[in-house]
Amino acid sequence: MGKQKEDDGPQISLEDQRRIAKGARQLAAYASFLRWSANFSRDEITTHPRHQQVKVLSGVQSGRFAFAVEGGLLLLGTQGFEAAWMADMPFDSAYVSDRLYLCVTGVSLMEVNFQPLALGIQISSPEKRLQLRQCRFVQPVQIEVENGAVAAVGGDYGPGFPIRQGDVIDGLLEAAKARVKAQDMSRFF
């Protein structure tokens, strides 16, 4: 038998490698998110009345996160229990309106289409929402909480992501239209 070359196998484009890696992370993160959400009563996560892929966390769940602003950077403090899904979720944008919405675009992986997802974290203070709207980027970070207050801040949970201006529902609808248009255009090439 002759020696096989290392490049005899199928070549996967860089774009497909990224899509596969994102899909694998998204699958694991979605499963971890579902396990996490099973720890709460059914009404703790609701569906936004204007969009099926937008899930709204209750005040109890939202209270498990903390916020700090450094210049144009929003530090999203995440406790260890939430890190099980937060650390792997491939968030790619956020919106600040009535809540902080963290968004993941959809991806196709092995004949499975993962739908986009947005998670709405409640921010009860209008002043805090106004402050967060001034930020341009979200960076999830580890936190430890003792007696209801942040006791320690640790390292980052993966790469951060930009905050987009406008309404999360409008943003999701525009992204869906752009995906359809891109798919339509790709049929001609």
C-alpha atoms as a PDB file:
ATOM      1  CA  MET A   1       0.000   0.000   0.000  1.00  0.00           C
ATOM      2  CA  GLY A   2       1.234   3.410  -0.859  1.00  0.00           C
ATOM      3  CA  LYS A   3       1.425   6.228   1.569  1.00  0.00           C
ATOM      4  CA  GLN A   4      -1.679   8.465   1.540  1.00  0.00           C
ATOM      5  CA  LYS A   5      -1.305  12.170   1.264  1.00  0.00           C
ATOM      6  CA  GLU A   6      -2.742  14.273   4.062  1.00  0.00           C
ATOM      7  CA  ASP A   7      -4.897  16.259   1.644  1.00  0.00           C
ATOM      8  CA  ASP A   8      -6.651  13.260   0.000  1.00  0.00           C
ATOM      9  CA  GLY A   9      -9.810  13.798   2.052  1.00  0.00           C
ATOM     10  CA  PRO A  10     -12.624  16.162   1.188  1.00  0.00           C
ATOM     11  CA  GLN A  11     -11.755  19.810   1.504  1.00  0.00           C
ATOM     12  CA  ILE A  12     -14.069  21.872   3.674  1.00  0.00           C
ATOM     13  CA  SER A  13     -14.197  25.570   2.956  1.00  0.00           C
ATOM     14  CA  LEU A  14     -13.357  28.030   5.698  1.00  0.00           C
ATOM     15  CA  GLU A  15     -16.964  29.262   5.599  1.00  0.00           C
ATOM     16  CA  ASP A  16     -18.293  25.728   6.129  1.00  0.00           C
ATOM     17  CA  GLN A  17     -15.767  25.115   8.922  1.00  0.00           C
ATOM     18  CA  ARG A  18     -17.057  28.219  10.708  1.00  0.00           C
ATOM     19  CA  ARG A  19     -20.693  27.224  10.153  1.00  0.00           C
ATOM     20  CA  ILE A  20     -20.054  23.712  11.502  1.00  0.00           C
ATOM     21  CA  ALA A  21     -18.172  25.028  14.538  1.00  0.00           C
ATOM     22  CA  LYS A  22     -20.945  27.542  15.277  1.00  0.00           C
ATOM     23  CA  GLY A  23     -23.629  24.882  14.822  1.00  0.00           C
ATOM     24  CA  ALA A  24     -21.880  22.512  17.214  1.00  0.00           C
ATOM     25  CA  ARG A  25     -21.516  25.245  19.836  1.00  0.00           C
ATOM     26  CA  GLN A  26     -25.117  26.321  19.318  1.00  0.00           C
ATOM     27  CA  LEU A  27     -26.433  22.760  19.706  1.00  0.00           C
ATOM     28  CA  ALA A  28     -24.535  22.282  22.976  1.00  0.00           C
ATOM     29  CA  ALA A  29     -25.534  25.718  24.276  1.00  0.00           C
ATOM     30  CA  TYR A  30     -29.222  25.248  23.371  1.00  0.00           C
ATOM     31  CA  ALA A  31     -29.248  21.887  25.199  1.00  0.00           C
ATOM     32  CA  SER A  32     -27.596  23.477  28.256  1.00  0.00           C
ATOM     33  CA  PHE A  33     -30.043  26.391  28.123  1.00  0.00           C
ATOM     34  CA  LEU A  34     -32.986  23.963  28.089  1.00  0.00           C
ATOM     35  CA  ARG A  35     -31.546  22.081  31.093  1.00  0.00           C
ATOM     36  CA  TRP A  36     -31.047  25.401  32.911  1.00  0.00           C
ATOM     37  CA  SER A  37     -34.570  26.591  32.131  1.00  0.00           C
ATOM     38  CA  ALA A  38     -36.032  23.299  33.423  1.00  0.00           C
ATOM     39  CA  ASN A  39     -34.951  24.414  36.921  1.00  0.00           C
ATOM     40  CA  PHE A  40     -37.606  27.142  36.902  1.00  0.00           C
ATOM     41  CA  SER A  41     -41.374  27.077  36.736  1.00  0.00           C
ATOM     42  CA  ARG A  42     -43.016  27.168  33.321  1.00  0.00           C
ATOM     43  CA  ASP A  43     -43.914  30.865  33.453  1.00  0.00           C
ATOM     44  CA  GLU A  44     -40.322  32.001  34.131  1.00  0.00           C
ATOM     45  CA  ILE A  45     -39.486  32.022  30.405  1.00  0.00           C
ATOM     46  CA  THR A  46     -42.151  33.339  28.078  1.00  0.00           C
ATOM     47  CA  THR A  47     -42.337  33.915  24.353  1.00  0.00           C
ATOM     48  CA  HIS A  48     -42.397  37.520  23.182  1.00  0.00           C
ATOM     49  CA  PRO A  49     -45.869  38.388  21.866  1.00  0.00           C
ATOM     50  CA  ARG A  50     -44.430  39.700  18.576  1.00  0.00           C
ATOM     51  CA  HIS A  51     -41.858  37.009  17.723  1.00  0.00           C
ATOM     52  CA  GLN A  52     -41.639  33.263  18.413  1.00  0.00           C
ATOM     53  CA  GLN A  53     -37.828  33.190  18.576  1.00  0.00           C
ATOM     54  CA  VAL A  54     -37.627  35.848  21.296  1.00  0.00           C
ATOM     55  CA  LYS A  55     -37.702  34.382  24.789  1.00  0.00           C
ATOM     56  CA  VAL A  56     -38.214  36.705  27.736  1.00  0.00           C
ATOM     57  CA  LEU A  57     -36.659  35.881  31.097  1.00  0.00           C
ATOM     58  CA  SER A  58     -38.662  36.699  34.207  1.00  0.00           C
ATOM     59  CA  GLY A  59     -37.481  39.126  36.850  1.00  0.00           C
ATOM     60  CA  VAL A  60     -36.259  36.205  38.974  1.00  0.00           C
ATOM     61  CA  GLN A  61     -34.109  34.789  36.184  1.00  0.00           C
ATOM     62  CA  SER A  62     -32.973  38.237  35.056  1.00  0.00           C
ATOM     63  CA  GLY A  63     -31.835  38.953  38.605  1.00  0.00           C
ATOM     64  CA  ARG A  64     -29.162  36.288  38.191  1.00  0.00           C
ATOM     65  CA  PHE A  65     -27.247  38.658  35.887  1.00  0.00           C
ATOM     66  CA  ALA A  66     -25.397  41.871  36.727  1.00  0.00           C
ATOM     67  CA  PHE A  67     -24.385  44.851  34.607  1.00  0.00           C
ATOM     68  CA  ALA A  68     -21.480  47.264  34.682  1.00  0.00           C
ATOM     69  CA  VAL A  69     -20.471  49.909  32.164  1.00  0.00           C
ATOM     70  CA  GLU A  70     -16.883  50.794  31.308  1.00  0.00           C
ATOM     71  CA  GLY A  71     -16.810  53.438  28.611  1.00  0.00           C
ATOM     72  CA  GLY A  72     -18.720  51.967  25.660  1.00  0.00           C
ATOM     73  CA  LEU A  73     -18.428  48.413  27.002  1.00  0.00           C
ATOM     74  CA  LEU A  74     -21.292  46.644  28.774  1.00  0.00           C
ATOM     75  CA  LEU A  75     -19.988  43.970  31.120  1.00  0.00           C
ATOM     76  CA  LEU A  76     -22.684  41.311  31.518  1.00  0.00           C
ATOM     77  CA  GLY A  77     -21.988  39.538  34.807  1.00  0.00           C
ATOM     78  CA  THR A  78     -22.909  35.859  34.667  1.00  0.00           C
ATOM     79  CA  GLN A  79     -22.922  33.443  37.599  1.00  0.00           C
ATOM     80  CA  GLY A  80     -21.579  29.910  37.332  1.00  0.00           C
ATOM     81  CA  PHE A  81     -25.028  28.291  37.087  1.00  0.00           C
ATOM     82  CA  GLU A  82     -25.796  30.346  33.946  1.00  0.00           C
ATOM     83  CA  ALA A  83     -22.299  29.888  32.552  1.00  0.00           C
ATOM     84  CA  ALA A  84     -23.268  26.329  31.575  1.00  0.00           C
ATOM     85  CA  TRP A  85     -25.024  27.793  28.538  1.00  0.00           C
ATOM     86  CA  MET A  86     -23.793  31.399  28.413  1.00  0.00           C
ATOM     87  CA  ALA A  87     -20.147  30.431  27.871  1.00  0.00           C
ATOM     88  CA  ASP A  88     -20.963  28.418  24.721  1.00  0.00           C
ATOM     89  CA  MET A  89     -23.874  30.359  23.257  1.00  0.00           C
ATOM     90  CA  PRO A  90     -22.606  32.005  20.045  1.00  0.00           C
ATOM     91  CA  PHE A  91     -24.279  35.362  20.618  1.00  0.00           C
ATOM     92  CA  ASP A  92     -23.551  37.737  17.780  1.00  0.00           C
ATOM     93  CA  SER A  93     -25.471  40.872  18.710  1.00  0.00           C
ATOM     94  CA  ALA A  94     -27.558  42.577  21.361  1.00  0.00           C
ATOM     95  CA  TYR A  95     -30.283  45.206  21.523  1.00  0.00           C
ATOM     96  CA  VAL A  96     -31.319  47.434  24.405  1.00  0.00           C
ATOM     97  CA  SER A  97     -34.921  48.634  24.461  1.00  0.00           C
ATOM     98  CA  ASP A  98     -37.374  47.566  27.164  1.00  0.00           C
ATOM     99  CA  ARG A  99     -34.851  44.808  28.052  1.00  0.00           C
ATOM    100  CA  LEU A 100     -31.379  43.692  27.099  1.00  0.00           C
ATOM    101  CA  TYR A 101     -31.822  41.224  24.245  1.00  0.00           C
ATOM    102  CA  LEU A 102     -28.982  38.834  23.451  1.00  0.00           C
ATOM    103  CA  CYS A 103     -29.243  37.411  19.924  1.00  0.00           C
ATOM    104  CA  VAL A 104     -27.978  34.324  18.116  1.00  0.00           C
ATOM    105  CA  THR A 105     -28.468  34.008  14.362  1.00  0.00           C
ATOM    106  CA  GLY A 106     -29.769  30.759  12.965  1.00  0.00           C
ATOM    107  CA  VAL A 107     -27.467  28.193  11.380  1.00  0.00           C
ATOM    108  CA  SER A 108     -27.899  25.012   9.330  1.00  0.00           C
ATOM    109  CA  LEU A 109     -25.993  21.933  10.395  1.00  0.00           C
ATOM    110  CA  MET A 110     -26.418  18.436   8.965  1.00  0.00           C
ATOM    111  CA  GLU A 111     -29.921  19.023   7.630  1.00  0.00           C
ATOM    112  CA  VAL A 112     -30.996  20.706  10.872  1.00  0.00           C
ATOM    113  CA  ASN A 113     -31.896  24.375  10.881  1.00  0.00           C
ATOM    114  CA  PHE A 114     -31.294  26.042  14.221  1.00  0.00           C
ATOM    115  CA  GLN A 115     -33.651  28.981  14.405  1.00  0.00           C
ATOM    116  CA  PRO A 116     -32.414  32.382  15.552  1.00  0.00           C
ATOM    117  CA  LEU A 117     -32.880  33.027  19.242  1.00  0.00           C
ATOM    118  CA  ALA A 118     -33.028  36.190  21.309  1.00  0.00           C
ATOM    119  CA  LEU A 119     -33.095  36.184  25.107  1.00  0.00           C
ATOM    120  CA  GLY A 120     -34.593  39.195  26.852  1.00  0.00           C
ATOM    121  CA  ILE A 121     -33.103  40.040  30.247  1.00  0.00           C
ATOM    122  CA  GLN A 122     -35.282  42.376  32.290  1.00  0.00           C
ATOM    123  CA  ILE A 123     -33.804  45.723  33.328  1.00  0.00           C
ATOM    124  CA  SER A 124     -36.296  47.391  35.639  1.00  0.00           C
ATOM    125  CA  SER A 125     -34.602  50.792  35.894  1.00  0.00           C
ATOM    126  CA  PRO A 126     -35.222  53.226  32.994  1.00  0.00           C
ATOM    127  CA  GLU A 127     -32.008  55.028  33.983  1.00  0.00           C
ATOM    128  CA  LYS A 128     -30.017  51.790  33.700  1.00  0.00           C
ATOM    129  CA  ARG A 129     -31.540  51.027  30.277  1.00  0.00           C
ATOM    130  CA  LEU A 130     -30.581  54.513  29.098  1.00  0.00           C
ATOM    131  CA  GLN A 131     -27.031  53.961  30.350  1.00  0.00           C
ATOM    132  CA  LEU A 132     -26.822  50.569  28.603  1.00  0.00           C
ATOM    133  CA  ARG A 133     -28.090  52.074  25.319  1.00  0.00           C
ATOM    134  CA  GLN A 134     -24.943  54.229  25.250  1.00  0.00           C
ATOM    135  CA  CYS A 135     -22.743  51.115  25.095  1.00  0.00           C
ATOM    136  CA  ARG A 136     -21.537  49.680  21.799  1.00  0.00           C
ATOM    137  CA  PHE A 137     -20.340  46.228  22.856  1.00  0.00           C
ATOM    138  CA  VAL A 138     -21.322  43.444  25.313  1.00  0.00           C
ATOM    139  CA  GLN A 139     -18.729  41.324  27.087  1.00  0.00           C
ATOM    140  CA  PRO A 140     -20.033  38.449  29.261  1.00  0.00           C
ATOM    141  CA  VAL A 141     -17.867  37.980  32.361  1.00  0.00           C
ATOM    142  CA  GLN A 142     -17.799  35.588  35.308  1.00  0.00           C
ATOM    143  CA  ILE A 143     -19.123  36.873  38.610  1.00  0.00           C
ATOM    144  CA  GLU A 144     -19.548  35.508  42.106  1.00  0.00           C
ATOM    145  CA  VAL A 145     -22.433  36.744  44.214  1.00  0.00           C
ATOM    146  CA  GLU A 146     -22.626  36.757  48.009  1.00  0.00           C
ATOM    147  CA  ASN A 147     -25.616  38.021  49.977  1.00  0.00           C
ATOM    148  CA  GLY A 148     -27.207  39.504  46.859  1.00  0.00           C
ATOM    149  CA  ALA A 149     -24.174  41.567  45.789  1.00  0.00           C
ATOM    150  CA  VAL A 150     -21.363  40.960  43.330  1.00  0.00           C
ATOM    151  CA  ALA A 151     -18.396  39.783  45.396  1.00  0.00           C
ATOM    152  CA  ALA A 152     -15.905  39.016  42.612  1.00  0.00           C
ATOM    153  CA  VAL A 153     -15.490  39.493  38.868  1.00  0.00           C
ATOM    154  CA  GLY A 154     -13.571  36.893  36.881  1.00  0.00           C
ATOM    155  CA  GLY A 155     -12.565  36.404  33.281  1.00  0.00           C
ATOM    156  CA  ASP A 156     -14.473  36.726  30.040  1.00  0.00           C
ATOM    157  CA  TYR A 157     -16.878  34.155  28.665  1.00  0.00           C
ATOM    158  CA  GLY A 158     -15.742  34.019  25.067  1.00  0.00           C
ATOM    159  CA  PRO A 159     -15.745  36.853  22.606  1.00  0.00           C
ATOM    160  CA  GLY A 160     -18.028  39.811  23.084  1.00  0.00           C
ATOM    161  CA  PHE A 161     -20.541  41.072  20.549  1.00  0.00           C
ATOM    162  CA  PRO A 162     -21.889  44.422  19.305  1.00  0.00           C
ATOM    163  CA  ILE A 163     -24.984  46.231  20.497  1.00  0.00           C
ATOM    164  CA  ARG A 164     -27.194  47.209  17.574  1.00  0.00           C
ATOM    165  CA  GLN A 165     -29.483  50.185  17.568  1.00  0.00           C
ATOM    166  CA  GLY A 166     -33.227  49.781  17.162  1.00  0.00           C
ATOM    167  CA  ASP A 167     -35.805  47.186  18.094  1.00  0.00           C
ATOM    168  CA  VAL A 168     -34.898  43.504  18.430  1.00  0.00           C
ATOM    169  CA  ILE A 169     -38.003  42.350  16.528  1.00  0.00           C
ATOM    170  CA  ASP A 170     -37.243  44.654  13.593  1.00  0.00           C
ATOM    171  CA  GLY A 171     -33.626  43.454  13.641  1.00  0.00           C
ATOM    172  CA  LEU A 172     -34.643  39.792  13.541  1.00  0.00           C
ATOM    173  CA  LEU A 173     -37.113  40.412  10.710  1.00  0.00           C
ATOM    174  CA  GLU A 174     -34.474  42.306   8.680  1.00  0.00           C
ATOM    175  CA  ALA A 175     -31.946  39.509   9.240  1.00  0.00           C
ATOM    176  CA  ALA A 176     -34.490  36.904   8.082  1.00  0.00           C
ATOM    177  CA  LYS A 177     -35.184  38.909   4.908  1.00  0.00           C
ATOM    178  CA  ALA A 178     -31.443  39.216   4.233  1.00  0.00           C
ATOM    179  CA  ARG A 179     -30.981  35.427   4.635  1.00  0.00           C
ATOM    180  CA  VAL A 180     -33.822  34.715   2.194  1.00  0.00           C
ATOM    181  CA  LYS A 181     -32.376  37.183  -0.287  1.00  0.00           C
ATOM    182  CA  ALA A 182     -28.901  35.627   0.025  1.00  0.00           C
ATOM    183  CA  GLN A 183     -30.359  32.141  -0.520  1.00  0.00           C
ATOM    184  CA  ASP A 184     -32.280  33.375  -3.555  1.00  0.00           C
ATOM    185  CA  MET A 185     -29.119  34.952  -4.999  1.00  0.00           C
ATOM    186  CA  SER A 186     -27.029  31.827  -4.353  1.00  0.00           C
ATOM    187  CA  ARG A 187     -29.373  29.755  -6.525  1.00  0.00           C
ATOM    188  CA  PHE A 188     -28.179  31.725  -9.569  1.00  0.00           C
ATOM    189  CA  PHE A 189     -24.477  30.942  -8.992  1.00  0.00           C
END
